[in-house]
N, C-alpha and C. Protein backbone atom coordinates (compact mmCIF):
# COMPACT_ATOMS: atom_id res chain seq x y z
N MET A 1 -17.81 4.18 18.41
CA MET A 1 -18.11 5.00 17.22
C MET A 1 -19.64 3.73 16.29
N HIS A 2 -19.93 4.37 15.64
CA HIS A 2 -21.17 3.55 14.57
C HIS A 2 -20.04 2.62 13.53
N GLN A 3 -20.78 1.77 12.50
CA GLN A 3 -19.81 0.79 11.77
C GLN A 3 -19.15 1.75 10.88
N GLU A 4 -17.65 1.73 11.34
CA GLU A 4 -17.09 2.03 10.68
C GLU A 4 -16.03 0.95 10.42
N ASN A 5 -15.74 0.89 8.85
CA ASN A 5 -15.01 0.31 7.64
C ASN A 5 -13.68 0.20 8.14
N ARG A 6 -13.10 1.21 8.49
CA ARG A 6 -11.84 1.21 8.78
C ARG A 6 -11.37 1.20 10.32
N LEU A 7 -12.43 0.28 11.26
CA LEU A 7 -11.95 0.12 12.33
C LEU A 7 -12.65 -1.31 12.61
N PRO A 8 -11.92 -1.79 13.39
CA PRO A 8 -12.67 -3.18 13.86
C PRO A 8 -13.86 -3.60 14.38
N LYS A 9 -14.79 -4.40 13.84
CA LYS A 9 -15.85 -4.28 14.45
C LYS A 9 -16.55 -5.02 15.56
N ASN A 10 -15.61 -6.22 16.02
CA ASN A 10 -15.86 -7.11 16.85
C ASN A 10 -14.06 -7.54 17.57
N GLY A 11 -14.48 -8.35 18.31
CA GLY A 11 -13.02 -8.47 18.86
C GLY A 11 -12.66 -9.30 18.35
N LYS A 12 -12.43 -10.12 17.21
CA LYS A 12 -11.13 -10.87 16.54
C LYS A 12 -10.72 -9.65 15.49
N GLU A 13 -11.74 -8.96 14.79
CA GLU A 13 -11.18 -8.28 14.12
C GLU A 13 -10.03 -6.71 15.12
N GLY A 14 -10.94 -6.27 16.20
CA GLY A 14 -9.61 -5.61 17.42
C GLY A 14 -8.99 -6.13 17.63
N ALA A 15 -8.43 -7.78 17.48
CA ALA A 15 -7.26 -8.51 18.32
C ALA A 15 -6.15 -8.28 16.68
N ILE A 16 -6.41 -8.55 15.66
CA ILE A 16 -5.85 -8.24 14.13
C ILE A 16 -5.28 -7.03 14.37
N PHE A 17 -6.40 -5.88 14.55
CA PHE A 17 -5.89 -4.17 14.35
C PHE A 17 -4.73 -4.07 15.39
N GLY A 18 -4.91 -4.65 16.43
CA GLY A 18 -4.57 -4.45 17.51
C GLY A 18 -2.48 -4.87 17.31
N ALA A 19 -2.98 -6.13 17.28
CA ALA A 19 -1.82 -6.65 16.39
C ALA A 19 -0.61 -6.18 15.28
N ILE A 20 -1.71 -5.90 14.20
CA ILE A 20 -1.15 -5.00 13.11
C ILE A 20 -0.06 -3.78 13.49
N ILE A 21 -1.05 -2.83 14.74
CA ILE A 21 -0.68 -1.83 15.03
C ILE A 21 0.72 -1.84 16.32
N VAL A 22 0.77 -2.86 17.16
CA VAL A 22 1.65 -3.43 18.12
C VAL A 22 2.87 -3.48 16.85
N THR A 23 2.58 -4.39 16.08
CA THR A 23 4.15 -5.09 15.52
C THR A 23 4.50 -4.20 14.73
N LEU A 24 4.16 -3.06 13.99
CA LEU A 24 4.47 -2.02 13.32
C LEU A 24 5.86 -1.10 14.29
N SER A 25 4.82 -1.02 15.04
CA SER A 25 5.49 -0.32 16.28
C SER A 25 6.49 -0.47 17.00
N VAL A 26 6.14 -1.75 17.85
CA VAL A 26 7.45 -2.47 18.09
C VAL A 26 8.54 -2.77 16.78
N LEU A 27 8.62 -3.01 15.64
CA LEU A 27 9.49 -3.07 14.53
C LEU A 27 9.93 -1.76 14.49
N MET A 28 9.25 -0.86 14.18
CA MET A 28 9.98 0.16 14.05
C MET A 28 10.67 1.50 15.15
N MET A 29 10.00 1.56 16.15
CA MET A 29 10.60 2.12 17.02
C MET A 29 11.41 1.45 18.00
N GLY A 30 11.27 0.09 18.28
CA GLY A 30 12.31 -0.96 19.15
C GLY A 30 13.40 -0.63 18.34
N SER A 31 13.63 -1.19 17.30
CA SER A 31 14.74 -0.99 16.32
C SER A 31 15.79 0.35 16.17
N ILE A 32 14.48 1.56 15.76
CA ILE A 32 15.26 2.72 16.03
C ILE A 32 15.88 3.13 17.37
N ASN A 33 15.23 2.59 18.18
CA ASN A 33 15.92 3.07 19.61
C ASN A 33 16.95 2.14 20.26
N ILE A 34 17.22 0.70 19.70
CA ILE A 34 18.11 -0.41 19.71
C ILE A 34 19.46 0.13 18.70
N ILE A 35 19.02 0.39 17.87
CA ILE A 35 20.10 0.79 16.83
C ILE A 35 20.82 2.25 17.56
N LEU A 36 20.06 3.35 18.04
CA LEU A 36 20.85 4.32 18.55
C LEU A 36 21.11 4.81 19.28
N ALA A 37 21.16 3.50 20.34
CA ALA A 37 21.41 3.49 21.39
C ALA A 37 23.02 2.52 21.31
N ALA A 38 22.89 1.32 20.16
CA ALA A 38 24.19 1.20 20.06
C ALA A 38 25.08 1.61 19.44
N GLY A 39 24.62 2.81 18.38
CA GLY A 39 25.34 3.35 17.85
C GLY A 39 25.85 2.98 16.14
N GLU A 40 25.46 2.05 16.07
CA GLU A 40 25.52 1.14 14.57
C GLU A 40 24.40 0.07 14.77
N PHE A 41 24.66 -0.38 13.31
CA PHE A 41 24.17 -1.62 12.90
C PHE A 41 24.34 -2.72 12.84
N ASN A 42 25.07 -3.68 13.46
CA ASN A 42 25.84 -4.87 13.21
C ASN A 42 24.75 -6.55 13.63
N LYS A 43 25.64 -7.23 13.50
CA LYS A 43 25.06 -8.63 14.24
C LYS A 43 24.72 -8.73 15.61
N ASP A 44 25.85 -8.54 16.12
CA ASP A 44 25.53 -8.16 17.58
C ASP A 44 24.01 -7.47 17.86
N VAL A 45 23.50 -6.26 17.18
CA VAL A 45 22.46 -5.97 17.69
C VAL A 45 21.42 -6.59 17.31
N ALA A 46 21.66 -6.80 16.08
CA ALA A 46 20.56 -7.65 15.21
C ALA A 46 19.89 -8.85 16.28
N MET A 47 21.19 -9.66 16.70
CA MET A 47 20.67 -11.10 17.56
C MET A 47 19.98 -9.91 18.78
N ASN A 48 20.51 -9.03 19.14
CA ASN A 48 20.02 -8.53 20.60
C ASN A 48 18.24 -8.01 20.26
N MET A 49 18.33 -7.62 19.31
CA MET A 49 16.86 -7.07 18.51
C MET A 49 15.85 -8.31 18.36
N LEU A 50 16.63 -9.38 17.96
CA LEU A 50 16.13 -10.84 17.52
C LEU A 50 15.20 -11.39 19.33
N ILE A 51 16.16 -11.08 20.19
CA ILE A 51 15.37 -11.45 21.64
C ILE A 51 14.70 -10.49 22.03
N VAL A 52 14.66 -9.33 22.11
CA VAL A 52 14.55 -7.81 22.79
C VAL A 52 13.18 -7.53 22.41
N LEU A 53 12.95 -7.33 20.98
CA LEU A 53 11.66 -6.85 20.20
C LEU A 53 10.37 -7.88 20.88
N PRO A 54 10.81 -9.05 20.70
CA PRO A 54 9.52 -9.84 20.86
C PRO A 54 9.08 -9.70 22.46
N ILE A 55 9.82 -9.75 23.18
CA ILE A 55 9.52 -9.32 25.19
C ILE A 55 8.96 -7.80 25.07
N ILE A 56 9.37 -7.02 24.16
CA ILE A 56 8.65 -5.67 24.09
C ILE A 56 7.04 -5.79 23.48
N TRP A 57 6.93 -6.58 22.45
CA TRP A 57 5.55 -6.61 22.42
C TRP A 57 4.47 -7.22 22.49
N VAL A 58 5.35 -8.38 23.46
CA VAL A 58 4.46 -8.82 24.41
C VAL A 58 4.20 -7.94 25.86
N ILE A 59 4.77 -7.21 26.39
CA ILE A 59 4.83 -5.96 27.25
C ILE A 59 3.06 -5.17 26.10
N VAL A 60 3.57 -4.45 25.34
CA VAL A 60 3.04 -3.61 24.51
C VAL A 60 1.73 -3.78 24.72
N MET A 61 1.50 -5.59 24.27
CA MET A 61 0.08 -5.61 23.66
C MET A 61 -0.77 -6.18 25.27
N ILE A 62 0.00 -6.22 26.39
CA ILE A 62 -0.88 -6.05 27.57
C ILE A 62 -0.97 -4.99 28.09
N ILE A 63 -0.31 -3.78 27.93
CA ILE A 63 -0.34 -1.92 28.85
C ILE A 63 -1.32 -1.66 27.84
N GLU A 64 -1.58 -1.51 26.62
CA GLU A 64 -1.84 -0.87 25.60
C GLU A 64 -3.41 -1.19 26.02
N PRO A 65 -4.28 -2.39 25.91
CA PRO A 65 -5.49 -2.72 26.03
C PRO A 65 -5.77 -1.98 27.52
N VAL A 66 -4.80 -2.68 28.28
CA VAL A 66 -5.32 -2.31 29.94
C VAL A 66 -5.10 -1.21 30.62
N ALA A 67 -4.13 -0.57 30.22
CA ALA A 67 -3.79 0.80 30.90
C ALA A 67 -3.72 2.33 29.37
N ILE A 68 -3.08 2.26 29.10
CA ILE A 68 -2.75 2.83 28.04
C ILE A 68 -4.19 3.45 27.13
N GLY A 69 -4.69 2.75 26.81
CA GLY A 69 -6.29 2.94 25.95
C GLY A 69 -7.03 3.36 26.50
N ARG A 70 -6.84 2.94 27.92
CA ARG A 70 -8.20 3.75 28.64
C ARG A 70 -7.78 5.02 29.05
N PHE A 71 -6.87 4.91 29.26
CA PHE A 71 -6.10 6.64 29.45
C PHE A 71 -6.33 7.45 28.39
N ALA A 72 -5.70 6.91 27.19
CA ALA A 72 -6.16 7.44 26.16
C ALA A 72 -7.77 7.92 25.55
N GLU A 73 -8.61 6.85 25.78
CA GLU A 73 -9.85 6.78 25.61
C GLU A 73 -10.65 8.18 26.51
N PHE A 74 -10.39 7.94 27.82
CA PHE A 74 -10.46 9.20 28.84
C PHE A 74 -10.30 10.60 28.21
N LEU A 75 -8.81 10.73 27.84
CA LEU A 75 -8.42 11.82 27.24
C LEU A 75 -9.27 12.35 26.22
N SER A 76 -9.24 11.65 25.20
CA SER A 76 -9.89 11.53 24.13
C SER A 76 -11.22 12.22 24.28
N SER A 77 -12.12 11.76 25.34
CA SER A 77 -13.56 12.29 25.68
C SER A 77 -13.56 13.56 25.59
N LYS A 78 -12.32 14.26 26.86
CA LYS A 78 -12.50 15.81 27.04
C LYS A 78 -12.64 16.38 26.06
N PHE A 79 -11.69 16.03 25.19
CA PHE A 79 -11.83 17.05 23.74
C PHE A 79 -12.53 17.03 22.94
N ILE A 80 -12.99 15.67 22.60
CA ILE A 80 -14.02 15.42 21.37
C ILE A 80 -15.69 15.33 21.79
N SER A 81 -16.59 15.79 20.90
CA SER A 81 -17.89 15.56 21.09
C SER A 81 -18.90 14.75 20.15
N GLN A 82 -19.70 14.12 20.82
CA GLN A 82 -20.59 12.91 19.66
C GLN A 82 -20.75 13.47 17.99
N THR A 83 -20.60 14.73 18.09
CA THR A 83 -20.78 15.47 16.58
C THR A 83 -19.22 15.49 15.84
N ASP A 84 -18.42 15.36 16.61
CA ASP A 84 -16.93 15.60 15.93
C ASP A 84 -16.86 13.98 14.99
N GLY A 85 -16.23 14.46 13.93
CA GLY A 85 -15.58 13.46 12.93
C GLY A 85 -14.80 12.59 13.26
N PHE A 86 -14.77 11.47 12.49
CA PHE A 86 -13.47 10.08 12.32
C PHE A 86 -12.33 10.82 12.38
N ALA A 87 -11.93 11.50 11.74
CA ALA A 87 -10.67 12.23 11.75
C ALA A 87 -9.69 12.80 13.27
N ALA A 88 -10.80 13.73 13.74
CA ALA A 88 -10.78 14.22 15.28
C ALA A 88 -11.17 13.23 16.16
N ARG A 89 -11.45 12.17 15.91
CA ARG A 89 -11.51 11.38 17.21
C ARG A 89 -10.44 10.37 16.73
N ILE A 90 -9.85 9.88 15.82
CA ILE A 90 -8.74 9.16 15.05
C ILE A 90 -7.24 9.89 16.02
N MET A 91 -7.79 11.19 15.52
CA MET A 91 -6.61 12.15 15.97
C MET A 91 -6.06 12.47 17.40
N PHE A 92 -7.51 12.56 18.05
CA PHE A 92 -7.01 12.62 19.41
C PHE A 92 -6.82 11.39 20.07
N ARG A 93 -7.34 10.20 19.60
CA ARG A 93 -7.11 8.62 20.27
C ARG A 93 -5.53 8.29 20.01
N THR A 94 -5.16 8.60 18.71
CA THR A 94 -3.58 8.41 18.75
C THR A 94 -2.79 9.18 19.49
N LEU A 95 -2.94 10.36 19.55
CA LEU A 95 -1.88 11.42 20.58
C LEU A 95 -2.07 11.23 21.56
N PHE A 96 -3.17 10.59 22.30
CA PHE A 96 -2.93 10.42 23.69
C PHE A 96 -2.80 8.97 23.87
N THR A 97 -2.60 8.00 23.01
CA THR A 97 -2.41 6.87 22.88
C THR A 97 -0.52 6.89 22.85
N VAL A 98 -0.02 8.09 22.10
CA VAL A 98 1.57 7.70 21.68
C VAL A 98 2.05 8.36 22.63
N LEU A 99 1.35 9.28 23.67
CA LEU A 99 1.97 10.31 24.35
C LEU A 99 2.34 9.48 25.50
N GLY A 100 0.53 8.32 26.05
CA GLY A 100 1.47 7.68 26.89
C GLY A 100 2.47 5.99 27.03
N MET A 101 2.29 5.53 25.53
CA MET A 101 2.70 4.51 25.09
C MET A 101 4.47 4.83 25.29
N SER A 102 4.46 6.06 24.82
CA SER A 102 6.01 6.66 24.10
C SER A 102 6.59 6.71 25.88
N PHE A 103 6.11 7.22 26.63
CA PHE A 103 5.97 7.83 28.05
C PHE A 103 6.49 6.35 28.65
N THR A 104 5.72 5.50 28.58
CA THR A 104 6.18 4.55 29.73
C THR A 104 7.29 3.49 28.94
N LEU A 105 7.02 3.64 27.54
CA LEU A 105 7.74 2.77 27.31
C LEU A 105 9.25 2.72 27.05
N THR A 106 9.71 4.69 26.80
CA THR A 106 10.60 5.34 27.33
C THR A 106 11.64 4.51 28.69
N ILE A 107 10.37 4.04 29.68
CA ILE A 107 11.13 3.90 30.94
C ILE A 107 11.53 2.31 30.92
N ILE A 108 10.70 1.26 30.15
CA ILE A 108 10.48 0.49 30.38
C ILE A 108 11.47 0.05 29.44
N GLY A 109 11.86 0.53 28.39
CA GLY A 109 12.89 0.15 27.40
C GLY A 109 14.43 0.06 27.87
N ASP A 110 14.18 1.43 28.63
CA ASP A 110 15.41 1.72 29.40
C ASP A 110 15.96 0.72 30.44
N ILE A 111 15.10 0.31 30.95
CA ILE A 111 15.25 -0.69 32.46
C ILE A 111 15.72 -1.97 31.37
N ILE A 112 14.73 -2.52 30.40
CA ILE A 112 14.94 -3.68 29.29
C ILE A 112 17.03 -3.52 29.34
N GLY A 113 17.11 -2.60 28.72
CA GLY A 113 18.55 -2.04 27.92
C GLY A 113 19.23 -2.10 29.07
N ASN A 114 19.45 -1.43 30.25
CA ASN A 114 20.38 -1.05 30.56
C ASN A 114 19.99 -1.54 32.32
N GLY A 115 19.20 -2.12 32.84
CA GLY A 115 18.93 -2.25 33.92
C GLY A 115 18.34 -1.22 34.66
N PHE A 116 17.86 -1.69 36.19
CA PHE A 116 17.13 -0.85 36.55
C PHE A 116 18.08 0.41 37.59
N THR A 117 18.49 1.67 36.56
CA THR A 117 19.39 2.59 37.89
C THR A 117 18.71 3.55 37.80
N THR A 118 19.83 4.67 38.41
CA THR A 118 19.43 5.54 38.92
C THR A 118 19.25 6.89 36.99
N ASP A 119 19.84 6.31 36.59
CA ASP A 119 20.60 7.15 34.99
C ASP A 119 18.86 7.26 34.21
N ILE A 120 17.70 5.93 34.61
CA ILE A 120 17.01 5.89 34.04
C ILE A 120 16.28 7.72 33.40
N PHE A 121 15.88 8.26 34.84
CA PHE A 121 15.54 9.27 34.84
C PHE A 121 16.24 10.37 34.26
N ALA A 122 17.33 10.23 33.88
CA ALA A 122 18.03 11.51 33.22
C ALA A 122 18.38 11.13 31.86
N ASN A 123 18.22 9.90 31.54
CA ASN A 123 17.67 9.30 30.05
C ASN A 123 16.61 9.65 29.12
N PHE A 124 15.49 9.46 30.53
CA PHE A 124 14.32 9.95 30.12
C PHE A 124 14.06 11.19 29.28
N VAL A 125 15.02 12.22 30.24
CA VAL A 125 14.50 13.72 29.65
C VAL A 125 15.27 13.47 28.22
N GLN A 126 15.99 13.19 28.00
CA GLN A 126 16.32 13.56 26.63
C GLN A 126 15.75 12.16 25.68
N ILE A 127 15.48 11.19 26.00
CA ILE A 127 15.10 10.44 24.63
C ILE A 127 13.50 10.41 24.85
N TRP A 128 12.57 10.53 25.77
CA TRP A 128 11.22 10.67 25.59
C TRP A 128 11.04 11.43 24.66
N PRO A 129 11.17 13.04 24.30
CA PRO A 129 10.46 13.87 23.28
C PRO A 129 11.20 13.27 21.96
N ARG A 130 12.56 12.72 21.85
CA ARG A 130 12.77 11.94 20.28
C ARG A 130 11.54 10.91 20.17
N ASN A 131 11.29 10.09 20.88
CA ASN A 131 10.82 8.55 21.15
C ASN A 131 9.17 9.50 20.70
N PHE A 132 8.59 10.57 21.32
CA PHE A 132 7.26 10.66 21.16
C PHE A 132 7.27 11.48 20.12
N VAL A 133 7.85 12.18 19.42
CA VAL A 133 8.06 12.59 18.19
C VAL A 133 8.11 11.57 17.13
N ILE A 134 9.06 10.76 17.19
CA ILE A 134 8.70 9.83 16.14
C ILE A 134 7.53 8.93 15.56
N ALA A 135 7.73 8.39 17.25
CA ALA A 135 6.05 7.32 17.50
C ALA A 135 5.17 7.89 17.06
N LEU A 136 4.69 9.64 16.60
CA LEU A 136 3.62 10.15 16.71
C LEU A 136 4.18 10.05 14.96
N PHE A 137 4.54 10.54 14.60
CA PHE A 137 4.62 10.66 13.17
C PHE A 137 4.30 9.27 12.25
N LEU A 138 5.04 8.18 13.10
CA LEU A 138 5.22 6.64 12.38
C LEU A 138 3.41 6.77 12.43
N GLU A 139 3.27 6.68 14.15
CA GLU A 139 1.65 6.25 13.89
C GLU A 139 0.79 7.26 12.77
N SER A 140 0.96 7.96 12.73
CA SER A 140 -0.10 9.16 12.14
C SER A 140 -0.01 8.57 10.94
N VAL A 141 1.30 8.55 10.16
CA VAL A 141 1.39 8.72 8.64
C VAL A 141 1.52 7.19 8.28
N VAL A 142 1.89 6.40 9.23
CA VAL A 142 2.54 4.75 8.59
C VAL A 142 1.46 3.87 8.78
N ILE A 143 1.75 3.62 10.24
CA ILE A 143 1.42 2.53 10.80
C ILE A 143 -0.27 2.44 11.09
N GLN A 144 -0.98 3.73 11.79
CA GLN A 144 -2.28 3.79 12.17
C GLN A 144 -3.04 3.46 10.10
N PRO A 145 -2.70 4.47 9.53
CA PRO A 145 -3.37 4.20 8.18
C PRO A 145 -3.38 2.86 7.62
N PHE A 146 -2.34 2.05 7.75
CA PHE A 146 -1.95 1.02 6.83
C PHE A 146 -2.94 -0.36 7.76
N ALA A 147 -2.72 -0.30 9.10
CA ALA A 147 -4.08 -1.12 10.05
C ALA A 147 -5.57 -0.47 9.38
N ARG A 148 -5.90 0.57 8.92
CA ARG A 148 -7.44 0.94 8.50
C ARG A 148 -7.76 0.33 7.50
N PHE A 149 -6.04 0.41 6.46
CA PHE A 149 -6.70 -0.08 5.39
C PHE A 149 -6.35 -1.51 5.36
N VAL A 150 -5.89 -2.16 5.85
CA VAL A 150 -6.07 -3.82 6.48
C VAL A 150 -7.87 -3.93 7.00
N MET A 151 -8.32 -3.03 7.34
CA MET A 151 -9.43 -3.38 7.88
C MET A 151 -10.55 -3.36 7.14
N VAL A 152 -10.33 -1.85 6.00
CA VAL A 152 -11.11 -2.08 4.75
C VAL A 152 -10.83 -3.17 4.19
N LYS A 153 -9.93 -3.65 3.70
CA LYS A 153 -9.91 -4.76 2.94
C LYS A 153 -10.64 -5.69 3.19
N MET A 154 -10.48 -6.19 4.67
CA MET A 154 -11.10 -6.91 5.35
C MET A 154 -12.28 -7.37 5.49
N HIS A 155 -12.99 -5.95 5.61
CA HIS A 155 -14.71 -5.46 5.66
C HIS A 155 -15.28 -6.03 4.22
N ALA A 156 -14.25 -5.18 3.03
CA ALA A 156 -14.92 -5.09 1.85
C ALA A 156 -15.03 -7.07 1.48
N ALA A 157 -13.95 -7.53 1.56
CA ALA A 157 -13.84 -8.71 1.58
C ALA A 157 -15.06 -9.93 2.14
N GLN A 158 -15.04 -9.83 3.86
CA GLN A 158 -16.43 -9.94 4.10
C GLN A 158 -18.05 -9.49 3.39
N ASP A 159 -18.07 -8.41 3.38
CA ASP A 159 -19.14 -7.82 2.17
C ASP A 159 -19.32 -9.06 1.16
N ARG A 160 -18.27 -9.15 0.41
CA ARG A 160 -18.08 -10.07 -1.04
C ARG A 160 -18.56 -11.27 -0.53
N LYS A 161 -18.05 -11.88 0.20
CA LYS A 161 -18.89 -13.27 0.69
C LYS A 161 -20.02 -13.13 1.11
N ALA A 162 -20.61 -12.12 1.76
CA ALA A 162 -21.78 -12.02 2.21
C ALA A 162 -22.70 -11.85 0.89
N ALA A 163 -22.59 -11.16 0.15
CA ALA A 163 -23.21 -10.93 -0.68
C ALA A 163 -23.37 -12.42 -1.65
N VAL A 164 -22.27 -12.96 -2.04
CA VAL A 164 -22.62 -14.24 -2.74
C VAL A 164 -22.85 -15.20 -1.89
N GLN A 165 -22.70 -15.43 -0.73
CA GLN A 165 -23.77 -16.28 0.27
C GLN A 165 -25.55 -16.09 -0.21
N THR A 166 -25.72 -14.89 0.02
CA THR A 166 -27.16 -14.44 -0.46
C THR A 166 -27.37 -14.78 -1.31
N LYS A 167 -26.64 -14.70 -2.72
CA LYS A 167 -26.89 -14.40 -3.61
C LYS A 167 -27.56 -16.16 -4.09
N ALA A 168 -26.84 -17.07 -3.50
CA ALA A 168 -27.08 -18.37 -3.18
C ALA A 168 -27.75 -18.92 -2.81
N GLN A 169 -28.29 -18.63 -1.61
CA GLN A 169 -29.80 -18.61 -1.00
C GLN A 169 -30.97 -18.41 -1.74
N ILE A 170 -30.58 -17.22 -2.97
CA ILE A 170 -31.95 -16.72 -3.41
C ILE A 170 -32.29 -17.95 -4.78
N ILE A 171 -31.48 -18.04 -4.97
CA ILE A 171 -30.96 -18.86 -6.47
C ILE A 171 -31.46 -20.86 -5.76
């Protein structure tokens, strides 16, 4: 995409953008899944979350750009054209990213929480649809808009700084 103020413009901004999305996604979805699996929120559940969520964060930071992001880009390219706007591109990219991440992390989360058992696949059929719908809602309404808002603010600050430097060079 061309220079869009709502999206990262370089690798550093991409890392910040990705870290914001992953952090919010892991905190929200991880917390929801851990609490639902435990049946209640108490001190033991909170301690488990403090241990498990950073592990999941690292896993997501690796899986998304290496595999799922490429999968989402490939599928998105089948549905969008060069003339499609920002909203269409973001919608398809978000849909396919959430599809891949919810699928993968439903399995990984079950393995982390319960070990590798044959129940993983039985649990998957019950848990994945819920995870997909919740994650798609959160990504579309909360997480992605917040990350894009941060990018807009970062770019505005960079533009102000560049304007001040340009003005100083002229004087």
